[in-house]
Amino acid sequence: MAKFENGNPGRPKGAKNKSTIQIREKIQALFDDNFETIQGDLESLEAKDRLKFMTDLMPYLMPKLQSTSYNTEIDLDGMTDEQLDVLIKRIINE
C-alpha cells in the first residue's frame, strides 16, 4: 500500500519519528561525552540561567506529558433500560 492512500493507517500511535530519535541520541551523546565540562559550566552560571538551560533541553531528553480531559456528562437518553438499571444500582451502592 502506498503512502497517503485510503486505508493506510499511517504511523502507529506513539511511534517515534526516526529523525527525532537520532537528534535525542546525539544530544544524549553530547551530554555523556562532555558531562564534566557541562557540569562545570553549569556551576558557573547563575541559578536562573542554570534552570533555563535545563528546562530548554528537557523536552529532548524526556517525553512530554500529555494533557488529558475528563468528561462527566452521561447521555441518559441514549442508554437502554438495562444500562440505566445498572447505573441506578451503582449509584445506590456507592
Protein backbone atom coordinates (compact mmCIF):
# COMPACT_ATOMS: atom_id res chain seq x y z
CA MET A 1 0.00 0.00 0.00
CA ALA A 2 1.38 3.43 -0.93
CA LYS A 3 1.63 6.47 1.31
CA PHE A 4 -1.47 8.57 1.94
CA GLU A 5 -3.96 6.25 0.24
CA ASN A 6 -7.30 5.44 1.80
CA GLY A 7 -6.96 2.53 4.17
CA ASN A 8 -3.34 3.34 5.03
CA PRO A 9 -3.39 3.98 8.78
CA GLY A 10 -0.02 5.76 8.72
CA ARG A 11 2.39 5.67 11.62
CA PRO A 12 1.02 3.85 14.69
CA LYS A 13 0.06 5.99 17.67
CA GLY A 14 3.08 6.52 19.91
CA ALA A 15 5.62 5.57 17.20
CA LYS A 16 8.69 7.81 17.22
CA ASN A 17 9.91 9.79 14.24
CA LYS A 18 13.34 8.48 13.11
CA SER A 19 14.90 11.94 12.94
CA THR A 20 13.62 12.80 16.43
CA ILE A 21 15.19 9.62 17.79
CA GLN A 22 18.51 10.46 16.11
CA ILE A 23 18.52 14.02 17.47
CA ARG A 24 17.78 12.79 21.00
CA GLU A 25 20.56 10.21 20.73
CA LYS A 26 23.04 12.88 19.57
CA ILE A 27 22.09 15.26 22.36
CA GLN A 28 22.39 12.42 24.87
CA ALA A 29 25.82 11.50 23.46
CA LEU A 30 26.90 15.16 23.66
CA PHE A 31 25.96 15.23 27.34
CA ASP A 32 27.57 11.87 28.03
CA ASP A 33 30.85 12.80 26.32
CA ASN A 34 31.10 16.26 27.89
CA PHE A 35 29.45 15.76 31.25
CA GLU A 36 32.27 17.17 33.41
CA THR A 37 32.68 20.25 31.20
CA ILE A 38 28.94 20.90 31.10
CA GLN A 39 28.70 20.38 34.86
CA GLY A 40 31.47 22.92 35.45
CA ASP A 41 29.88 25.42 33.07
CA LEU A 42 26.52 24.99 34.77
CA GLU A 43 28.02 25.60 38.20
CA SER A 44 29.47 28.89 36.97
CA LEU A 45 26.05 30.14 35.83
CA GLU A 46 23.56 31.98 37.97
CA ALA A 47 20.69 29.89 39.29
CA LYS A 48 18.12 31.36 36.85
CA ASP A 49 20.42 30.66 33.88
CA ARG A 50 21.06 27.08 35.07
CA LEU A 51 17.33 26.49 35.35
CA LYS A 52 16.71 27.95 31.87
CA PHE A 53 19.41 25.73 30.37
CA MET A 54 17.92 22.61 31.92
CA THR A 55 14.32 23.43 31.03
CA ASP A 56 15.28 24.24 27.44
CA LEU A 57 16.88 20.83 26.95
CA MET A 58 14.44 18.76 28.99
CA PRO A 59 11.99 18.13 26.10
CA TYR A 60 14.80 16.46 24.15
CA LEU A 61 15.70 14.10 26.96
CA MET A 62 12.33 13.21 28.48
CA PRO A 63 8.93 12.61 26.91
CA LYS A 64 6.37 15.36 27.34
CA LEU A 65 3.33 14.59 29.42
CA GLN A 66 0.09 14.61 27.51
CA SER A 67 -2.83 16.55 28.87
CA THR A 68 -5.99 14.58 29.49
CA SER A 69 -9.59 15.63 29.75
CA TYR A 70 -12.32 14.12 31.82
CA ASN A 71 -15.93 14.21 30.73
CA THR A 72 -18.52 13.56 33.44
CA GLU A 73 -21.59 14.00 31.26
CA ILE A 74 -23.80 10.95 30.87
CA ASP A 75 -26.23 10.64 27.97
CA LEU A 76 -29.23 9.19 29.80
CA ASP A 77 -31.45 9.46 26.72
CA GLY A 78 -29.11 7.24 24.72
CA MET A 79 -28.95 4.49 27.35
CA THR A 80 -31.02 1.30 27.29
CA ASP A 81 -33.24 0.36 30.22
CA GLU A 82 -30.70 -2.27 31.25
CA GLN A 83 -27.88 0.27 31.25
CA LEU A 84 -30.00 2.69 33.30
CA ASP A 85 -30.74 -0.09 35.81
CA VAL A 86 -27.03 -0.82 36.19
CA LEU A 87 -26.29 2.88 36.66
CA ILE A 88 -29.01 3.26 39.29
CA LYS A 89 -27.72 0.21 41.19
CA ARG A 90 -24.18 1.58 41.15
CA ILE A 91 -25.35 4.94 42.47
CA ILE A 92 -27.36 3.31 45.27
CA ASN A 93 -24.46 1.03 46.29
CA GLU A 94 -21.89 3.82 46.37
